[in-house]
C-alpha atoms as a PDB file:
ATOM      1  CA  MET A   1      87.669  -6.399  85.684  1.00  0.00           C
ATOM      2  CA  PRO A   2      88.544  -6.779  82.098  1.00  0.00           C
ATOM      3  CA  PHE A   3      91.945  -5.890  80.619  1.00  0.00           C
ATOM      4  CA  ALA A   4      93.247  -5.649  77.072  1.00  0.00           C
ATOM      5  CA  SER A   5      96.868  -6.715  76.464  1.00  0.00           C
ATOM      6  CA  ARG A   6      99.305  -5.222  74.003  1.00  0.00           C
ATOM      7  CA  GLY A   7     102.831  -6.562  74.308  1.00  0.00           C
ATOM      8  CA  ARG A   8     103.888  -5.774  77.926  1.00  0.00           C
ATOM      9  CA  HIS A   9     101.189  -3.427  78.529  1.00  0.00           C
ATOM     10  CA  SER A  10      97.750  -4.064  80.066  1.00  0.00           C
ATOM     11  CA  ILE A  11      94.988  -1.569  79.734  1.00  0.00           C
ATOM     12  CA  HIS A  12      91.844  -1.627  81.885  1.00  0.00           C
ATOM     13  CA  TYR A  13      88.477  -1.051  80.378  1.00  0.00           C
ATOM     14  CA  GLU A  14      84.750  -1.202  81.231  1.00  0.00           C
ATOM     15  CA  LEU A  15      81.654  -1.827  79.166  1.00  0.00           C
ATOM     16  CA  LEU A  16      78.343  -0.148  79.857  1.00  0.00           C
ATOM     17  CA  GLY A  17      74.958  -0.497  78.297  1.00  0.00           C
ATOM     18  CA  ASN A  18      73.113  -3.008  76.180  1.00  0.00           C
ATOM     19  CA  GLU A  19      75.350  -5.401  74.170  1.00  0.00           C
ATOM     20  CA  ALA A  20      73.088  -4.918  71.127  1.00  0.00           C
ATOM     21  CA  ALA A  21      73.508  -1.126  71.123  1.00  0.00           C
ATOM     22  CA  PRO A  22      75.793   0.684  68.659  1.00  0.00           C
ATOM     23  CA  PRO A  23      79.378   0.745  70.213  1.00  0.00           C
ATOM     24  CA  LEU A  24      80.928   4.020  71.305  1.00  0.00           C
ATOM     25  CA  LEU A  25      84.604   4.474  72.557  1.00  0.00           C
ATOM     26  CA  LEU A  26      85.142   7.175  74.903  1.00  0.00           C
ATOM     27  CA  ILE A  27      88.839   8.289  75.324  1.00  0.00           C
ATOM     28  CA  MET A  28      89.717  10.534  78.290  1.00  0.00           C
ATOM     29  CA  GLY A  29      92.284  13.182  78.480  1.00  0.00           C
ATOM     30  CA  LEU A  30      95.448  14.110  80.409  1.00  0.00           C
ATOM     31  CA  ALA A  31      96.085  12.221  83.639  1.00  0.00           C
ATOM     32  CA  LEU A  32      92.542  11.169  84.165  1.00  0.00           C
ATOM     33  CA  SER A  33      91.251   7.444  84.097  1.00  0.00           C
ATOM     34  CA  GLY A  34      88.058   6.295  82.424  1.00  0.00           C
ATOM     35  CA  ARG A  35      86.199   7.260  85.500  1.00  0.00           C
ATOM     36  CA  GLY A  36      86.685  10.778  84.495  1.00  0.00           C
ATOM     37  CA  TRP A  37      83.535  10.392  82.310  1.00  0.00           C
ATOM     38  CA  GLY A  38      81.412  10.077  85.336  1.00  0.00           C
ATOM     39  CA  LYS A  39      77.645  10.311  84.719  1.00  0.00           C
ATOM     40  CA  LEU A  40      78.010  11.165  81.146  1.00  0.00           C
ATOM     41  CA  ALA A  41      79.129   7.510  80.426  1.00  0.00           C
ATOM     42  CA  ASP A  42      75.971   6.399  82.216  1.00  0.00           C
ATOM     43  CA  VAL A  43      73.699   8.686  80.207  1.00  0.00           C
ATOM     44  CA  LEU A  44      75.391   7.646  76.955  1.00  0.00           C
ATOM     45  CA  SER A  45      74.907   3.881  77.906  1.00  0.00           C
ATOM     46  CA  ARG A  46      71.172   4.427  77.603  1.00  0.00           C
ATOM     47  CA  ARG A  47      71.675   4.549  73.800  1.00  0.00           C
ATOM     48  CA  PHE A  48      74.989   3.139  73.093  1.00  0.00           C
ATOM     49  CA  ARG A  49      77.274   0.279  74.155  1.00  0.00           C
ATOM     50  CA  VAL A  50      79.955   2.434  75.951  1.00  0.00           C
ATOM     51  CA  VAL A  51      83.590   1.427  76.321  1.00  0.00           C
ATOM     52  CA  VAL A  52      85.668   3.447  78.548  1.00  0.00           C
ATOM     53  CA  PHE A  53      89.246   2.637  79.591  1.00  0.00           C
ATOM     54  CA  ASP A  54      92.169   3.826  81.525  1.00  0.00           C
ATOM     55  CA  ASN A  55      95.105   5.331  79.369  1.00  0.00           C
ATOM     56  CA  ARG A  56      98.491   4.109  80.328  1.00  0.00           C
ATOM     57  CA  GLY A  57      99.563   5.600  83.792  1.00  0.00           C
ATOM     58  CA  THR A  58      96.032   6.171  84.951  1.00  0.00           C
ATOM     59  CA  GLY A  59      93.448   4.095  86.898  1.00  0.00           C
ATOM     60  CA  ARG A  60      94.142   0.261  86.738  1.00  0.00           C
ATOM     61  CA  SER A  61      96.177   0.254  83.523  1.00  0.00           C
ATOM     62  CA  GLY A  62      99.993  -0.240  83.485  1.00  0.00           C
ATOM     63  CA  LYS A  63     102.568   2.362  83.732  1.00  0.00           C
ATOM     64  CA  ALA A  64     103.194   5.184  81.293  1.00  0.00           C
ATOM     65  CA  ARG A  65     106.912   5.267  80.506  1.00  0.00           C
ATOM     66  CA  LEU A  66     109.182   7.904  79.032  1.00  0.00           C
ATOM     67  CA  GLY A  67     109.132   8.012  75.254  1.00  0.00           C
ATOM     68  CA  LEU A  68     105.327   7.425  75.047  1.00  0.00           C
ATOM     69  CA  ARG A  69     103.707   8.616  71.880  1.00  0.00           C
ATOM     70  CA  MET A  70     100.307   9.222  70.861  1.00  0.00           C
ATOM     71  CA  ARG A  71     100.302   6.450  68.334  1.00  0.00           C
ATOM     72  CA  ASP A  72     100.974   4.064  71.228  1.00  0.00           C
ATOM     73  CA  LEU A  73      97.972   5.144  73.022  1.00  0.00           C
ATOM     74  CA  ALA A  74      95.901   4.914  69.712  1.00  0.00           C
ATOM     75  CA  ASP A  75      97.074   1.305  69.408  1.00  0.00           C
ATOM     76  CA  ASP A  76      96.081   0.679  73.017  1.00  0.00           C
ATOM     77  CA  ALA A  77      92.534   1.941  72.096  1.00  0.00           C
ATOM     78  CA  ALA A  78      92.505  -0.477  69.251  1.00  0.00           C
ATOM     79  CA  ALA A  79      93.446  -3.336  71.459  1.00  0.00           C
ATOM     80  CA  VAL A  80      90.697  -2.389  73.852  1.00  0.00           C
ATOM     81  CA  LEU A  81      88.230  -2.761  70.920  1.00  0.00           C
ATOM     82  CA  ASP A  82      89.781  -6.070  70.105  1.00  0.00           C
ATOM     83  CA  ALA A  83      89.432  -7.344  73.655  1.00  0.00           C
ATOM     84  CA  ALA A  84      85.816  -6.102  73.808  1.00  0.00           C
ATOM     85  CA  GLY A  85      85.024  -7.966  70.707  1.00  0.00           C
ATOM     86  CA  ILE A  86      84.112  -4.867  68.736  1.00  0.00           C
ATOM     87  CA  GLY A  87      85.075  -4.337  65.149  1.00  0.00           C
ATOM     88  CA  LYS A  88      83.985  -0.756  64.586  1.00  0.00           C
ATOM     89  CA  ALA A  89      82.790   1.898  66.840  1.00  0.00           C
ATOM     90  CA  ASP A  90      81.869   5.465  67.028  1.00  0.00           C
ATOM     91  CA  VAL A  91      84.681   7.348  68.859  1.00  0.00           C
ATOM     92  CA  PHE A  92      84.746  10.523  71.142  1.00  0.00           C
ATOM     93  CA  GLY A  93      88.001  11.845  72.440  1.00  0.00           C
ATOM     94  CA  ILE A  94      88.300  14.911  74.664  1.00  0.00           C
ATOM     95  CA  SER A  95      91.518  16.896  75.171  1.00  0.00           C
ATOM     96  CA  MET A  96      94.473  14.386  74.888  1.00  0.00           C
ATOM     97  CA  GLY A  97      91.877  11.928  74.183  1.00  0.00           C
ATOM     98  CA  GLY A  98      90.921  13.892  70.986  1.00  0.00           C
ATOM     99  CA  MET A  99      94.709  13.489  69.950  1.00  0.00           C
ATOM    100  CA  ILE A 100      94.496   9.745  70.594  1.00  0.00           C
ATOM    101  CA  ALA A 101      91.283   9.733  68.581  1.00  0.00           C
ATOM    102  CA  GLN A 102      92.935  11.370  65.756  1.00  0.00           C
ATOM    103  CA  GLU A 103      95.656   8.825  65.593  1.00  0.00           C
ATOM    104  CA  LEU A 104      93.233   6.047  65.889  1.00  0.00           C
ATOM    105  CA  ALA A 105      91.314   7.132  62.883  1.00  0.00           C
ATOM    106  CA  LEU A 106      94.486   7.607  60.990  1.00  0.00           C
ATOM    107  CA  ARG A 107      96.120   4.243  61.968  1.00  0.00           C
ATOM    108  CA  HIS A 108      93.023   2.079  62.245  1.00  0.00           C
ATOM    109  CA  PRO A 109      90.436   3.688  59.871  1.00  0.00           C
ATOM    110  CA  GLU A 110      88.534   0.384  59.682  1.00  0.00           C
ATOM    111  CA  ARG A 111      87.811   0.682  63.524  1.00  0.00           C
ATOM    112  CA  VAL A 112      86.213   4.183  63.452  1.00  0.00           C
ATOM    113  CA  ARG A 113      82.805   4.494  62.313  1.00  0.00           C
ATOM    114  CA  ARG A 114      82.184   8.231  63.249  1.00  0.00           C
ATOM    115  CA  LEU A 115      84.579  10.409  64.963  1.00  0.00           C
ATOM    116  CA  ALA A 116      83.911  13.310  67.444  1.00  0.00           C
ATOM    117  CA  LEU A 117      86.653  15.466  68.820  1.00  0.00           C
ATOM    118  CA  GLY A 118      86.390  17.952  71.812  1.00  0.00           C
ATOM    119  CA  ALA A 119      88.698  20.463  73.295  1.00  0.00           C
ATOM    120  CA  THR A 120      91.597  19.263  71.417  1.00  0.00           C
ATOM    121  CA  PHE A 121      94.181  20.161  68.799  1.00  0.00           C
ATOM    122  CA  ALA A 122      96.438  18.789  66.054  1.00  0.00           C
ATOM    123  CA  SER A 123      99.720  20.352  67.059  1.00  0.00           C
ATOM    124  CA  TYR A 124     100.820  21.582  70.492  1.00  0.00           C
ATOM    125  CA  TRP A 125     103.157  24.100  69.034  1.00  0.00           C
ATOM    126  CA  ARG A 126     100.546  25.682  66.890  1.00  0.00           C
ATOM    127  CA  SER A 127      98.032  25.949  69.635  1.00  0.00           C
ATOM    128  CA  ARG A 128     100.306  26.573  72.614  1.00  0.00           C
ATOM    129  CA  LYS A 129      97.632  25.652  75.025  1.00  0.00           C
ATOM    130  CA  PRO A 130      98.360  27.190  78.415  1.00  0.00           C
ATOM    131  CA  THR A 131      96.162  24.711  80.207  1.00  0.00           C
ATOM    132  CA  LEU A 132      98.934  22.037  79.946  1.00  0.00           C
ATOM    133  CA  GLY A 133     101.273  24.153  82.088  1.00  0.00           C
ATOM    134  CA  VAL A 134      98.390  24.876  84.520  1.00  0.00           C
ATOM    135  CA  VAL A 135      97.987  21.152  85.043  1.00  0.00           C
ATOM    136  CA  LEU A 136     101.513  20.459  85.686  1.00  0.00           C
ATOM    137  CA  ALA A 137     101.846  23.455  87.989  1.00  0.00           C
ATOM    138  CA  GLY A 138      98.873  22.365  89.991  1.00  0.00           C
ATOM    139  CA  LEU A 139     100.372  18.679  90.422  1.00  0.00           C
ATOM    140  CA  ALA A 140     103.708  20.089  91.274  1.00  0.00           C
ATOM    141  CA  ALA A 141     102.513  22.566  93.781  1.00  0.00           C
ATOM    142  CA  SER A 142     100.358  19.826  95.481  1.00  0.00           C
ATOM    143  CA  LEU A 143     103.390  17.491  95.727  1.00  0.00           C
ATOM    144  CA  GLY A 144     101.617  14.617  94.300  1.00  0.00           C
ATOM    145  CA  ALA A 145      98.436  14.705  96.695  1.00  0.00           C
ATOM    146  CA  ALA A 146      95.683  14.076  94.260  1.00  0.00           C
ATOM    147  CA  SER A 147      92.982  15.711  96.299  1.00  0.00           C
ATOM    148  CA  ASN A 148      94.958  18.966  96.573  1.00  0.00           C
ATOM    149  CA  ALA A 149      96.028  18.837  93.025  1.00  0.00           C
ATOM    150  CA  ALA A 150      92.466  18.265  91.787  1.00  0.00           C
ATOM    151  CA  ALA A 151      91.213  21.280  93.926  1.00  0.00           C
ATOM    152  CA  ARG A 152      93.951  23.509  92.429  1.00  0.00           C
ATOM    153  CA  ILE A 153      93.418  22.458  88.814  1.00  0.00           C
ATOM    154  CA  SER A 154      89.693  22.471  88.808  1.00  0.00           C
ATOM    155  CA  ARG A 155      89.577  26.088  90.167  1.00  0.00           C
ATOM    156  CA  LEU A 156      91.837  27.027  87.206  1.00  0.00           C
ATOM    157  CA  LEU A 157      90.278  24.852  84.356  1.00  0.00           C
ATOM    158  CA  LEU A 158      86.496  25.283  85.204  1.00  0.00           C
ATOM    159  CA  SER A 159      84.481  28.369  84.505  1.00  0.00           C
ATOM    160  CA  GLU A 160      83.919  30.789  87.412  1.00  0.00           C
ATOM    161  CA  LYS A 161      80.184  30.212  87.077  1.00  0.00           C
ATOM    162  CA  PHE A 162      80.410  26.446  87.177  1.00  0.00           C
ATOM    163  CA  TYR A 163      82.711  26.573  90.188  1.00  0.00           C
ATOM    164  CA  ALA A 164      80.591  29.143  92.061  1.00  0.00           C
ATOM    165  CA  ALA A 165      77.482  27.124  91.682  1.00  0.00           C
ATOM    166  CA  ASP A 166      78.828  24.115  93.616  1.00  0.00           C
ATOM    167  CA  PRO A 167      82.402  24.493  94.711  1.00  0.00           C
ATOM    168  CA  ALA A 168      82.500  21.139  96.445  1.00  0.00           C
ATOM    169  CA  ARG A 169      81.209  19.386  93.298  1.00  0.00           C
ATOM    170  CA  ALA A 170      83.840  21.193  91.217  1.00  0.00           C
ATOM    171  CA  ARG A 171      86.610  20.341  93.402  1.00  0.00           C
ATOM    172  CA  ASN A 172      85.756  16.595  93.462  1.00  0.00           C
ATOM    173  CA  LEU A 173      85.380  16.188  89.644  1.00  0.00           C
ATOM    174  CA  LEU A 174      88.973  15.384  89.117  1.00  0.00           C
ATOM    175  CA  VAL A 175      89.213  13.362  92.201  1.00  0.00           C
ATOM    176  CA  GLU A 176      86.383  11.130  91.022  1.00  0.00           C
ATOM    177  CA  GLY A 177      88.228  10.855  87.730  1.00  0.00           C
ATOM    178  CA  GLU A 178      91.246   9.350  89.710  1.00  0.00           C
ATOM    179  CA  LEU A 179      93.692  12.147  88.727  1.00  0.00           C
ATOM    180  CA  ALA A 180      97.109  10.532  88.190  1.00  0.00           C
ATOM    181  CA  GLY A 181     100.305  11.691  89.712  1.00  0.00           C
ATOM    182  CA  LEU A 182     102.959  14.095  88.490  1.00  0.00           C
ATOM    183  CA  ARG A 183     105.167  11.356  86.762  1.00  0.00           C
ATOM    184  CA  CYS A 184     102.055  10.164  84.508  1.00  0.00           C
ATOM    185  CA  ALA A 185     101.367  13.737  83.686  1.00  0.00           C
ATOM    186  CA  PHE A 186     104.938  14.432  82.567  1.00  0.00           C
ATOM    187  CA  VAL A 187     105.096  11.377  80.468  1.00  0.00           C
ATOM    188  CA  GLN A 188     101.659  12.047  78.800  1.00  0.00           C
ATOM    189  CA  MET A 189     102.765  15.624  78.295  1.00  0.00           C
ATOM    190  CA  GLY A 190     105.697  14.366  76.235  1.00  0.00           C
ATOM    191  CA  ALA A 191     103.303  12.607  73.967  1.00  0.00           C
ATOM    192  CA  ILE A 192     101.230  15.758  73.681  1.00  0.00           C
ATOM    193  CA  ILE A 193     104.179  17.942  72.713  1.00  0.00           C
ATOM    194  CA  ARG A 194     105.260  15.452  70.081  1.00  0.00           C
ATOM    195  CA  HIS A 195     101.740  15.220  68.629  1.00  0.00           C
ATOM    196  CA  ALA A 196     101.425  16.541  65.238  1.00  0.00           C
ATOM    197  CA  THR A 197      98.650  15.541  62.757  1.00  0.00           C
ATOM    198  CA  GLN A 198      97.774  18.756  61.143  1.00  0.00           C
ATOM    199  CA  ARG A 199      99.238  17.614  57.783  1.00  0.00           C
ATOM    200  CA  LYS A 200      97.562  14.192  58.094  1.00  0.00           C
ATOM    201  CA  LEU A 201      94.101  15.144  59.034  1.00  0.00           C
ATOM    202  CA  GLY A 202      92.816  15.110  55.471  1.00  0.00           C
ATOM    203  CA  GLY A 203      93.567  11.409  55.563  1.00  0.00           C
ATOM    204  CA  ILE A 204      90.767  10.723  58.120  1.00  0.00           C
ATOM    205  CA  ARG A 205      87.861   9.131  56.243  1.00  0.00           C
ATOM    206  CA  SER A 206      85.300   8.842  58.982  1.00  0.00           C
ATOM    207  CA  PRO A 207      82.700  11.523  59.355  1.00  0.00           C
ATOM    208  CA  THR A 208      84.039  13.956  61.926  1.00  0.00           C
ATOM    209  CA  LEU A 209      82.614  16.381  64.156  1.00  0.00           C
END
């Protein structure tokens, strides 16, 4: 079970696929561990050397503490690449993971070969994403019970068509991703609210999708 160290913080990560394949770093979003990638990571590992990791406060990584900023999580991601012996990688981040990926590309441009961003934004206050409140409301209403919170949140975040096709599978998606508790979500939300890269995005030099 490999860990990267950065100061007092330990970050759990996993490597999938052929060591000789091009490296791909996957960065997960709010309150989910690296296991949230599920089968997608396995599929991508057929072509890439996939690196998944648990952001602070999730999975097997250390606690997320108040005052956390997106740049801290980006530096964690760079430390994971160091620990894995990877100099430069393709990077894909989703939701909060996309914000971390932006900061990684800005703070550590030499580590990012190509960048892909999904379901993310450069500023919370410009986008005012209602889904963040939905996630916290679901966690709070479930009083920290991961299975109950995951069921509530998946019903609100996933499309009606997806949920209707296989309700049990939809409810289990976030459970399988090791949905973290309310404290972690609040701390990570603080980082999301402070995130603001809209004036710096022009400084990203990696090809970006």
